[in-house]
Amino acid sequence: MSTIAYNTTSEQPLPTRSIEHFCEGETCFKTDPTNFRSTRHRTRDRTFLDKAGIFDFRTIASGETIREPVTTFREFSQFISRMPSHKAPGFSEVPADLFKQAPVSFQRRIHLLVNEILIGDHDCDKELLMAKVILIHKDKDIAILDHYRPIALLNTIYQLIMIIITSRLKQLSENYAVMEGS
């Protein structure tokens, strides 16, 4: 939404921008750029989005999916090689280096497990999806909490699955130019 503001030194109108906040319920759009809470009583209808066909446009073909198995062991080995080395593990306490240096028979079993998870034949335990959050000191004064940043340490299987999914999402977005501007 554009509004007109006047320069204090002259009467020339200057174009300005305001922030609109899109959300659910009766506070769909908030138009006050200084205070999002002040305009709860003002709402806008979302039908203009439907009229513009915003939600009808599909850039990725309907048959494409990220939930398919990793077909070859060679491809799976490449995903394992992308895992970070010498990094702290999550709750499982299994480092990624173990997967990288494991015998082929172990890696083949992990390949089967990851494929079962990807196609939905195996449901992951909640513990697998949990991350260990630790604080890393980033500045001089260790007594100030703002000088720390949190990092999430994922379990090794979860890291591997995320590498595969991220790779597939990147490939889909590149193939269908999802991120390109119009």
N, C-alpha and C. Protein backbone atom coordinates (compact mmCIF):
# COMPACT_ATOMS: atom_id res chain seq x y z
N MET A 1 0.84 -1.18 0.00
CA MET A 1 0.00 0.00 0.00
C MET A 1 0.89 1.23 0.00
N SER A 2 0.59 2.21 -0.82
CA SER A 2 1.35 3.45 -0.86
C SER A 2 0.53 4.55 -0.23
N THR A 3 1.20 5.42 0.48
CA THR A 3 0.55 6.59 1.07
C THR A 3 1.36 7.81 0.65
N ILE A 4 0.80 8.98 0.86
CA ILE A 4 1.48 10.22 0.52
C ILE A 4 1.84 10.92 1.82
N ALA A 5 3.12 11.32 1.92
CA ALA A 5 3.58 12.11 3.06
C ALA A 5 4.13 13.42 2.52
N TYR A 6 4.07 14.45 3.31
CA TYR A 6 4.55 15.75 2.86
C TYR A 6 5.87 16.08 3.54
N ASN A 7 6.78 16.64 2.75
CA ASN A 7 8.07 17.06 3.26
C ASN A 7 7.84 18.28 4.14
N THR A 8 8.51 18.36 5.27
CA THR A 8 8.29 19.48 6.20
C THR A 8 8.87 20.78 5.66
N THR A 9 9.84 20.75 4.79
CA THR A 9 10.45 21.98 4.28
C THR A 9 9.69 22.54 3.08
N SER A 10 8.96 21.72 2.35
CA SER A 10 8.20 22.21 1.21
C SER A 10 6.87 21.49 1.17
N GLU A 11 6.02 21.93 0.27
CA GLU A 11 4.70 21.32 0.14
C GLU A 11 4.66 20.24 -0.92
N GLN A 12 5.83 19.81 -1.42
CA GLN A 12 5.89 18.75 -2.42
C GLN A 12 5.55 17.42 -1.77
N PRO A 13 4.59 16.67 -2.34
CA PRO A 13 4.29 15.35 -1.77
C PRO A 13 5.42 14.37 -2.08
N LEU A 14 5.81 13.60 -1.07
CA LEU A 14 6.84 12.57 -1.24
C LEU A 14 6.18 11.21 -1.09
N PRO A 15 6.41 10.29 -2.02
CA PRO A 15 5.83 8.95 -1.86
C PRO A 15 6.54 8.21 -0.72
N THR A 16 5.77 7.54 0.08
CA THR A 16 6.33 6.73 1.17
C THR A 16 5.69 5.36 1.13
N ARG A 17 6.24 4.49 1.88
CA ARG A 17 5.70 3.14 1.97
C ARG A 17 5.22 2.89 3.39
N SER A 18 4.25 2.00 3.48
CA SER A 18 3.83 1.56 4.80
C SER A 18 3.81 0.04 4.81
N ILE A 19 3.89 -0.52 5.97
CA ILE A 19 3.94 -1.97 6.11
C ILE A 19 2.52 -2.49 6.31
N GLU A 20 2.18 -3.51 5.55
CA GLU A 20 0.91 -4.19 5.75
C GLU A 20 1.21 -5.57 6.27
N HIS A 21 0.48 -5.97 7.26
CA HIS A 21 0.71 -7.25 7.89
C HIS A 21 -0.46 -8.17 7.54
N PHE A 22 -0.14 -9.32 6.96
CA PHE A 22 -1.16 -10.28 6.54
C PHE A 22 -1.23 -11.38 7.60
N CYS A 23 -2.41 -11.65 8.10
CA CYS A 23 -2.55 -12.70 9.11
C CYS A 23 -3.96 -13.25 9.06
N GLU A 24 -4.23 -14.20 9.92
CA GLU A 24 -5.53 -14.85 9.96
C GLU A 24 -6.55 -14.04 10.77
N GLY A 25 -7.81 -14.41 10.62
CA GLY A 25 -8.87 -13.86 11.46
C GLY A 25 -9.24 -12.44 11.10
N GLU A 26 -9.67 -11.71 12.10
CA GLU A 26 -10.17 -10.37 11.84
C GLU A 26 -9.08 -9.32 11.73
N THR A 27 -7.84 -9.68 11.92
CA THR A 27 -6.75 -8.71 11.76
C THR A 27 -5.92 -9.06 10.54
N CYS A 28 -6.57 -9.17 9.40
CA CYS A 28 -5.88 -9.60 8.18
C CYS A 28 -4.80 -8.62 7.74
N PHE A 29 -5.11 -7.35 7.72
CA PHE A 29 -4.13 -6.36 7.32
C PHE A 29 -4.06 -5.28 8.37
N LYS A 30 -2.86 -4.96 8.75
CA LYS A 30 -2.63 -3.85 9.68
C LYS A 30 -1.83 -2.81 8.91
N THR A 31 -2.30 -1.59 8.89
CA THR A 31 -1.69 -0.61 7.99
C THR A 31 -0.88 0.46 8.71
N ASP A 32 -0.86 0.51 10.03
CA ASP A 32 -0.09 1.52 10.74
C ASP A 32 1.36 1.05 10.85
N PRO A 33 2.31 1.70 10.16
CA PRO A 33 3.69 1.22 10.17
C PRO A 33 4.38 1.40 11.51
N THR A 34 3.85 2.24 12.37
CA THR A 34 4.50 2.46 13.66
C THR A 34 3.99 1.55 14.75
N ASN A 35 2.77 1.07 14.63
CA ASN A 35 2.22 0.25 15.69
C ASN A 35 1.27 -0.78 15.09
N PHE A 36 1.71 -2.03 15.02
CA PHE A 36 0.89 -3.08 14.43
C PHE A 36 -0.37 -3.36 15.24
N ARG A 37 -0.35 -3.11 16.51
CA ARG A 37 -1.49 -3.43 17.37
C ARG A 37 -2.58 -2.37 17.34
N SER A 38 -2.29 -1.19 16.82
CA SER A 38 -3.24 -0.08 16.91
C SER A 38 -4.40 -0.19 15.93
N THR A 39 -4.29 -1.02 14.90
CA THR A 39 -5.32 -1.03 13.87
C THR A 39 -6.08 -2.35 13.82
N ARG A 40 -6.29 -2.96 14.95
CA ARG A 40 -7.02 -4.23 14.97
C ARG A 40 -8.45 -4.08 14.47
N HIS A 41 -9.03 -2.93 14.67
CA HIS A 41 -10.42 -2.72 14.25
C HIS A 41 -10.55 -2.57 12.74
N ARG A 42 -9.45 -2.25 12.03
CA ARG A 42 -9.47 -2.10 10.58
C ARG A 42 -8.99 -3.40 9.93
N THR A 43 -9.82 -3.96 9.10
CA THR A 43 -9.43 -5.18 8.39
C THR A 43 -9.72 -5.01 6.91
N ARG A 44 -9.04 -5.83 6.11
CA ARG A 44 -9.30 -5.80 4.68
C ARG A 44 -9.69 -7.19 4.24
N ASP A 45 -10.54 -7.22 3.27
CA ASP A 45 -11.02 -8.45 2.67
C ASP A 45 -9.90 -9.08 1.84
N ARG A 46 -9.80 -10.40 1.85
CA ARG A 46 -8.76 -11.09 1.09
C ARG A 46 -9.24 -11.55 -0.28
N THR A 47 -10.39 -11.15 -0.72
CA THR A 47 -10.90 -11.61 -2.00
C THR A 47 -10.06 -11.13 -3.18
N PHE A 48 -9.36 -10.01 -3.00
CA PHE A 48 -8.52 -9.52 -4.11
C PHE A 48 -7.42 -10.53 -4.43
N LEU A 49 -6.98 -11.32 -3.46
CA LEU A 49 -5.98 -12.36 -3.72
C LEU A 49 -6.58 -13.47 -4.59
N ASP A 50 -7.82 -13.85 -4.30
CA ASP A 50 -8.49 -14.86 -5.11
C ASP A 50 -8.75 -14.35 -6.53
N LYS A 51 -9.17 -13.09 -6.64
CA LYS A 51 -9.43 -12.51 -7.96
C LYS A 51 -8.16 -12.42 -8.80
N ALA A 52 -7.04 -12.18 -8.15
CA ALA A 52 -5.77 -12.09 -8.86
C ALA A 52 -5.21 -13.46 -9.21
N GLY A 53 -5.82 -14.51 -8.69
CA GLY A 53 -5.37 -15.86 -8.98
C GLY A 53 -4.05 -16.22 -8.29
N ILE A 54 -3.77 -15.58 -7.18
CA ILE A 54 -2.52 -15.81 -6.47
C ILE A 54 -2.37 -17.27 -6.07
N PHE A 55 -3.43 -17.87 -5.58
CA PHE A 55 -3.34 -19.24 -5.07
C PHE A 55 -3.63 -20.29 -6.14
N ASP A 56 -4.00 -19.87 -7.34
CA ASP A 56 -4.28 -20.81 -8.42
C ASP A 56 -3.02 -21.17 -9.21
N PHE A 57 -2.03 -20.32 -9.15
CA PHE A 57 -0.84 -20.51 -9.96
C PHE A 57 0.06 -21.58 -9.34
N ARG A 58 0.42 -22.55 -10.12
CA ARG A 58 1.30 -23.62 -9.65
C ARG A 58 2.51 -23.66 -10.57
N THR A 59 3.71 -23.53 -9.96
CA THR A 59 4.91 -23.52 -10.78
C THR A 59 5.54 -24.90 -10.90
N ILE A 60 5.34 -25.76 -9.93
CA ILE A 60 5.93 -27.10 -9.96
C ILE A 60 4.86 -28.09 -10.41
N ALA A 61 5.22 -28.95 -11.31
CA ALA A 61 4.27 -29.93 -11.86
C ALA A 61 3.70 -30.78 -10.73
N SER A 62 2.45 -31.18 -10.88
CA SER A 62 1.75 -31.90 -9.81
C SER A 62 2.33 -33.27 -9.53
N GLY A 63 3.02 -33.88 -10.46
CA GLY A 63 3.60 -35.20 -10.23
C GLY A 63 4.93 -35.19 -9.49
N GLU A 64 5.54 -34.02 -9.35
CA GLU A 64 6.85 -33.92 -8.70
C GLU A 64 6.69 -34.10 -7.19
N THR A 65 7.69 -34.76 -6.58
CA THR A 65 7.66 -34.96 -5.14
C THR A 65 9.07 -35.05 -4.59
N ILE A 66 9.21 -34.77 -3.31
CA ILE A 66 10.49 -34.97 -2.64
C ILE A 66 10.47 -36.25 -1.81
N ARG A 67 9.33 -36.93 -1.78
CA ARG A 67 9.17 -38.13 -0.97
C ARG A 67 9.36 -39.41 -1.78
N GLU A 68 10.46 -39.48 -2.47
CA GLU A 68 10.78 -40.70 -3.21
C GLU A 68 12.12 -41.22 -2.70
N PRO A 69 12.37 -42.50 -2.84
CA PRO A 69 13.62 -43.05 -2.31
C PRO A 69 14.84 -42.58 -3.09
N VAL A 70 15.98 -42.65 -2.43
CA VAL A 70 17.26 -42.41 -3.11
C VAL A 70 17.54 -43.68 -3.89
N THR A 71 17.52 -43.60 -5.20
CA THR A 71 17.51 -44.81 -6.03
C THR A 71 18.83 -45.57 -6.04
N THR A 72 19.94 -44.88 -6.11
CA THR A 72 21.21 -45.61 -6.19
C THR A 72 22.03 -45.41 -4.92
N PHE A 73 22.84 -46.40 -4.61
CA PHE A 73 23.72 -46.30 -3.46
C PHE A 73 24.81 -45.25 -3.71
N ARG A 74 25.19 -45.08 -4.95
CA ARG A 74 26.19 -44.06 -5.28
C ARG A 74 25.67 -42.66 -4.93
N GLU A 75 24.43 -42.39 -5.29
CA GLU A 75 23.82 -41.09 -4.95
C GLU A 75 23.74 -40.94 -3.44
N PHE A 76 23.35 -42.02 -2.76
CA PHE A 76 23.26 -41.98 -1.30
C PHE A 76 24.64 -41.69 -0.68
N SER A 77 25.68 -42.29 -1.22
CA SER A 77 27.05 -42.05 -0.74
C SER A 77 27.45 -40.59 -0.90
N GLN A 78 26.97 -39.96 -1.97
CA GLN A 78 27.27 -38.54 -2.17
C GLN A 78 26.58 -37.69 -1.11
N PHE A 79 25.38 -38.07 -0.72
CA PHE A 79 24.70 -37.35 0.36
C PHE A 79 25.46 -37.52 1.67
N ILE A 80 25.95 -38.72 1.94
CA ILE A 80 26.73 -38.95 3.15
C ILE A 80 28.00 -38.09 3.13
N SER A 81 28.64 -37.97 1.99
CA SER A 81 29.87 -37.18 1.90
C SER A 81 29.62 -35.69 2.14
N ARG A 82 28.39 -35.23 1.95
CA ARG A 82 28.05 -33.81 2.21
C ARG A 82 27.84 -33.51 3.68
N MET A 83 27.74 -34.54 4.51
CA MET A 83 27.51 -34.32 5.94
C MET A 83 28.74 -33.63 6.54
N PRO A 84 28.52 -32.73 7.49
CA PRO A 84 29.65 -31.99 8.07
C PRO A 84 30.55 -32.90 8.91
N SER A 85 31.85 -32.73 8.76
CA SER A 85 32.81 -33.50 9.54
C SER A 85 33.22 -32.74 10.80
N HIS A 86 33.61 -33.49 11.79
CA HIS A 86 34.15 -32.93 13.03
C HIS A 86 33.18 -31.96 13.70
N LYS A 87 31.90 -32.29 13.68
CA LYS A 87 30.87 -31.47 14.33
C LYS A 87 30.25 -32.26 15.47
N ALA A 88 29.74 -31.54 16.44
CA ALA A 88 29.12 -32.18 17.60
C ALA A 88 27.81 -32.85 17.18
N PRO A 89 27.53 -34.04 17.71
CA PRO A 89 26.28 -34.73 17.37
C PRO A 89 25.11 -34.26 18.22
N GLY A 90 23.91 -34.67 17.84
CA GLY A 90 22.71 -34.37 18.60
C GLY A 90 22.53 -35.35 19.74
N PHE A 91 21.27 -35.56 20.15
CA PHE A 91 20.98 -36.44 21.28
C PHE A 91 21.46 -37.88 21.06
N SER A 92 21.52 -38.31 19.83
CA SER A 92 21.91 -39.69 19.56
C SER A 92 23.38 -39.94 19.90
N GLU A 93 24.16 -38.87 19.99
CA GLU A 93 25.60 -38.95 20.26
C GLU A 93 26.36 -39.71 19.18
N VAL A 94 25.76 -39.84 18.00
CA VAL A 94 26.42 -40.50 16.87
C VAL A 94 26.95 -39.42 15.94
N PRO A 95 28.27 -39.28 15.83
CA PRO A 95 28.81 -38.23 14.95
C PRO A 95 28.65 -38.60 13.47
N ALA A 96 28.59 -37.59 12.64
CA ALA A 96 28.47 -37.80 11.20
C ALA A 96 29.70 -38.51 10.64
N ASP A 97 30.84 -38.33 11.29
CA ASP A 97 32.06 -39.00 10.84
C ASP A 97 31.91 -40.51 10.88
N LEU A 98 31.11 -41.02 11.81
CA LEU A 98 30.88 -42.46 11.89
C LEU A 98 30.19 -42.95 10.60
N PHE A 99 29.22 -42.19 10.11
CA PHE A 99 28.53 -42.57 8.87
C PHE A 99 29.49 -42.51 7.68
N LYS A 100 30.36 -41.51 7.68
CA LYS A 100 31.27 -41.32 6.57
C LYS A 100 32.34 -42.42 6.51
N GLN A 101 32.77 -42.88 7.67
CA GLN A 101 33.86 -43.86 7.71
C GLN A 101 33.36 -45.29 7.94
N ALA A 102 32.07 -45.47 8.00
CA ALA A 102 31.49 -46.79 8.27
C ALA A 102 31.70 -47.73 7.09
N PRO A 103 31.67 -49.03 7.36
CA PRO A 103 31.75 -49.99 6.26
C PRO A 103 30.54 -49.86 5.33
N VAL A 104 30.71 -50.30 4.11
CA VAL A 104 29.66 -50.19 3.10
C VAL A 104 28.40 -50.93 3.55
N SER A 105 28.56 -52.06 4.24
CA SER A 105 27.37 -52.82 4.68
C SER A 105 26.53 -51.99 5.65
N PHE A 106 27.17 -51.22 6.54
CA PHE A 106 26.44 -50.34 7.46
C PHE A 106 25.75 -49.23 6.68
N GLN A 107 26.47 -48.63 5.74
CA GLN A 107 25.89 -47.54 4.95
C GLN A 107 24.71 -48.03 4.11
N ARG A 108 24.77 -49.26 3.64
CA ARG A 108 23.64 -49.81 2.87
C ARG A 108 22.41 -49.98 3.75
N ARG A 109 22.60 -50.37 5.00
CA ARG A 109 21.46 -50.49 5.93
C ARG A 109 20.87 -49.12 6.25
N ILE A 110 21.73 -48.13 6.40
CA ILE A 110 21.24 -46.76 6.62
C ILE A 110 20.50 -46.28 5.37
N HIS A 111 20.98 -46.65 4.20
CA HIS A 111 20.32 -46.31 2.94
C HIS A 111 18.89 -46.86 2.94
N LEU A 112 18.74 -48.11 3.34
CA LEU A 112 17.40 -48.72 3.39
C LEU A 112 16.50 -47.99 4.39
N LEU A 113 17.04 -47.66 5.57
CA LEU A 113 16.25 -46.97 6.59
C LEU A 113 15.82 -45.58 6.11
N VAL A 114 16.75 -44.84 5.53
CA VAL A 114 16.43 -43.49 5.04
C VAL A 114 15.37 -43.57 3.94
N ASN A 115 15.45 -44.54 3.06
CA ASN A 115 14.44 -44.70 2.01
C ASN A 115 13.07 -45.00 2.61
N GLU A 116 13.02 -45.85 3.64
CA GLU A 116 11.74 -46.13 4.29
C GLU A 116 11.16 -44.88 4.92
N ILE A 117 12.01 -44.05 5.50
CA ILE A 117 11.53 -42.79 6.10
C ILE A 117 11.03 -41.85 5.00
N LEU A 118 11.78 -41.73 3.91
CA LEU A 118 11.41 -40.80 2.84
C LEU A 118 10.09 -41.17 2.17
N ILE A 119 9.83 -42.47 1.96
CA ILE A 119 8.58 -42.85 1.29
C ILE A 119 7.43 -43.02 2.26
N GLY A 120 7.70 -42.90 3.55
CA GLY A 120 6.64 -42.94 4.55
C GLY A 120 6.34 -44.32 5.10
N ASP A 121 7.17 -45.32 4.81
CA ASP A 121 6.94 -46.66 5.36
C ASP A 121 7.39 -46.78 6.81
N HIS A 122 8.23 -45.87 7.25
CA HIS A 122 8.72 -45.89 8.62
C HIS A 122 8.47 -44.53 9.25
N ASP A 123 7.76 -44.52 10.37
CA ASP A 123 7.52 -43.27 11.09
C ASP A 123 8.66 -43.05 12.07
N CYS A 124 9.20 -41.85 12.07
CA CYS A 124 10.31 -41.51 12.95
C CYS A 124 9.81 -41.30 14.37
N ASP A 125 10.61 -41.73 15.31
CA ASP A 125 10.32 -41.42 16.71
C ASP A 125 10.52 -39.92 16.92
N LYS A 126 9.82 -39.38 17.89
CA LYS A 126 9.96 -37.95 18.18
C LYS A 126 11.38 -37.60 18.60
N GLU A 127 12.06 -38.55 19.25
CA GLU A 127 13.43 -38.31 19.69
C GLU A 127 14.37 -38.08 18.51
N LEU A 128 14.09 -38.73 17.39
CA LEU A 128 14.92 -38.55 16.20
C LEU A 128 14.84 -37.12 15.69
N LEU A 129 13.68 -36.51 15.84
CA LEU A 129 13.46 -35.17 15.32
C LEU A 129 13.82 -34.08 16.32
N MET A 130 14.24 -34.46 17.50
CA MET A 130 14.62 -33.50 18.54
C MET A 130 16.03 -32.98 18.26
N ALA A 131 16.27 -31.75 18.64
CA ALA A 131 17.59 -31.15 18.50
C ALA A 131 18.10 -30.75 19.88
N LYS A 132 19.38 -30.90 20.05
CA LYS A 132 20.02 -30.44 21.28
C LYS A 132 20.45 -29.01 21.02
N VAL A 133 19.93 -28.07 21.80
CA VAL A 133 20.26 -26.66 21.61
C VAL A 133 21.32 -26.28 22.64
N ILE A 134 22.40 -25.74 22.12
CA ILE A 134 23.46 -25.27 23.01
C ILE A 134 23.76 -23.82 22.69
N LEU A 135 24.34 -23.12 23.64
CA LEU A 135 24.68 -21.72 23.45
C LEU A 135 26.17 -21.60 23.14
N ILE A 136 26.49 -20.85 22.11
CA ILE A 136 27.86 -20.59 21.70
C ILE A 136 28.18 -19.14 22.03
N HIS A 137 29.28 -18.92 22.75
CA HIS A 137 29.69 -17.57 23.12
C HIS A 137 30.21 -16.84 21.88
N LYS A 138 29.77 -15.60 21.66
CA LYS A 138 30.16 -14.88 20.45
C LYS A 138 30.84 -13.55 20.73
N ASP A 139 30.88 -13.09 21.96
CA ASP A 139 31.48 -11.79 22.27
C ASP A 139 32.36 -11.88 23.50
N LYS A 140 32.82 -10.72 23.99
CA LYS A 140 33.79 -10.68 25.07
C LYS A 140 33.23 -11.02 26.44
N ASP A 141 32.16 -10.37 26.86
CA ASP A 141 31.67 -10.53 28.22
C ASP A 141 30.81 -11.78 28.34
N ILE A 142 31.30 -12.78 29.06
CA ILE A 142 30.58 -14.05 29.17
C ILE A 142 29.40 -13.96 30.13
N ALA A 143 29.28 -12.88 30.89
CA ALA A 143 28.19 -12.74 31.85
C ALA A 143 26.90 -12.23 31.21
N ILE A 144 26.98 -11.71 30.00
CA ILE A 144 25.81 -11.14 29.33
C ILE A 144 25.23 -12.19 28.39
N LEU A 145 23.95 -12.51 28.60
CA LEU A 145 23.30 -13.55 27.81
C LEU A 145 23.17 -13.18 26.34
N ASP A 146 23.08 -11.90 26.02
CA ASP A 146 22.98 -11.47 24.63
C ASP A 146 24.24 -11.79 23.83
N HIS A 147 25.33 -12.12 24.50
CA HIS A 147 26.58 -12.43 23.81
C HIS A 147 26.69 -13.90 23.44
N TYR A 148 25.60 -14.62 23.53
CA TYR A 148 25.57 -16.03 23.15
C TYR A 148 24.58 -16.21 22.02
N ARG A 149 24.84 -17.19 21.17
CA ARG A 149 23.86 -17.52 20.13
C ARG A 149 23.55 -19.00 20.22
N PRO A 150 22.29 -19.35 20.02
CA PRO A 150 21.94 -20.77 20.10
C PRO A 150 22.21 -21.49 18.78
N ILE A 151 22.63 -22.73 18.89
CA ILE A 151 22.72 -23.58 17.71
C ILE A 151 22.01 -24.88 18.04
N ALA A 152 21.43 -25.48 17.04
CA ALA A 152 20.70 -26.75 17.21
C ALA A 152 21.54 -27.87 16.63
N LEU A 153 21.82 -28.87 17.45
CA LEU A 153 22.56 -30.04 17.01
C LEU A 153 21.55 -31.14 16.70
N LEU A 154 21.46 -31.51 15.43
CA LEU A 154 20.50 -32.51 14.98
C LEU A 154 21.11 -33.90 15.06
N ASN A 155 20.25 -34.89 15.22
CA ASN A 155 20.71 -36.27 15.16
C ASN A 155 21.22 -36.56 13.75
N THR A 156 22.14 -37.50 13.65
CA THR A 156 22.84 -37.76 12.39
C THR A 156 21.90 -38.23 11.28
N ILE A 157 20.98 -39.11 11.59
CA ILE A 157 20.02 -39.57 10.56
C ILE A 157 19.17 -38.39 10.08
N TYR A 158 18.74 -37.57 11.02
CA TYR A 158 17.93 -36.40 10.67
C TYR A 158 18.74 -35.44 9.79
N GLN A 159 20.03 -35.23 10.11
CA GLN A 159 20.89 -34.40 9.27
C GLN A 159 20.94 -34.94 7.85
N LEU A 160 21.11 -36.25 7.74
CA LEU A 160 21.21 -36.88 6.42
C LEU A 160 19.92 -36.70 5.63
N ILE A 161 18.79 -36.90 6.28
CA ILE A 161 17.49 -36.73 5.61
C ILE A 161 17.30 -35.27 5.18
N MET A 162 17.71 -34.33 6.03
CA MET A 162 17.58 -32.91 5.68
C MET A 162 18.48 -32.54 4.51
N ILE A 163 19.66 -33.15 4.42
CA ILE A 163 20.53 -32.90 3.27
C ILE A 163 19.85 -33.39 1.98
N ILE A 164 19.22 -34.55 2.04
CA ILE A 164 18.53 -35.10 0.87
C ILE A 164 17.35 -34.22 0.48
N ILE A 165 16.53 -33.84 1.45
CA ILE A 165 15.35 -33.02 1.17
C ILE A 165 15.76 -31.64 0.65
N THR A 166 16.77 -31.05 1.26
CA THR A 166 17.25 -29.74 0.80
C THR A 166 17.75 -29.82 -0.63
N SER A 167 18.46 -30.87 -0.95
CA SER A 167 18.95 -31.06 -2.31
C SER A 167 17.80 -31.17 -3.30
N ARG A 168 16.77 -31.91 -2.92
CA ARG A 168 15.61 -32.08 -3.81
C ARG A 168 14.83 -30.79 -3.97
N LEU A 169 14.67 -30.04 -2.89
CA LEU A 169 13.97 -28.76 -2.99
C LEU A 169 14.75 -27.78 -3.87
N LYS A 170 16.06 -27.77 -3.71
CA LYS A 170 16.89 -26.90 -4.54
C LYS A 170 16.76 -27.29 -6.01
N GLN A 171 16.78 -28.58 -6.29
CA GLN A 171 16.66 -29.05 -7.67
C GLN A 171 15.30 -28.67 -8.26
N LEU A 172 14.22 -28.86 -7.49
CA LEU A 172 12.89 -28.47 -7.99
C LEU A 172 12.80 -26.97 -8.23
N SER A 173 13.31 -26.18 -7.31
CA SER A 173 13.21 -24.73 -7.48
C SER A 173 14.04 -24.25 -8.67
N GLU A 174 15.16 -24.92 -8.94
CA GLU A 174 15.96 -24.54 -10.11
C GLU A 174 15.30 -25.02 -11.41
N ASN A 175 14.78 -26.24 -11.41
CA ASN A 175 14.15 -26.78 -12.63
C ASN A 175 12.93 -25.98 -13.05
N TYR A 176 12.15 -25.52 -12.09
CA TYR A 176 10.91 -24.81 -12.39
C TYR A 176 11.00 -23.30 -12.17
N ALA A 177 12.19 -22.80 -11.94
CA ALA A 177 12.44 -21.36 -11.77
C ALA A 177 11.49 -20.75 -10.74
N VAL A 178 11.35 -21.41 -9.62
CA VAL A 178 10.45 -20.93 -8.58
C VAL A 178 10.95 -19.63 -7.98
N MET A 179 12.24 -19.48 -7.84
CA MET A 179 12.79 -18.31 -7.18
C MET A 179 13.06 -17.14 -8.11
N GLU A 180 12.85 -17.30 -9.39
CA GLU A 180 13.10 -16.21 -10.33
C GLU A 180 12.03 -15.16 -10.24
N GLY A 181 12.43 -13.94 -10.44
CA GLY A 181 11.47 -12.84 -10.50
C GLY A 181 10.77 -12.81 -11.83
N SER A 182 9.63 -12.14 -11.88
CA SER A 182 8.91 -12.06 -13.15
C SER A 182 9.21 -10.78 -13.87
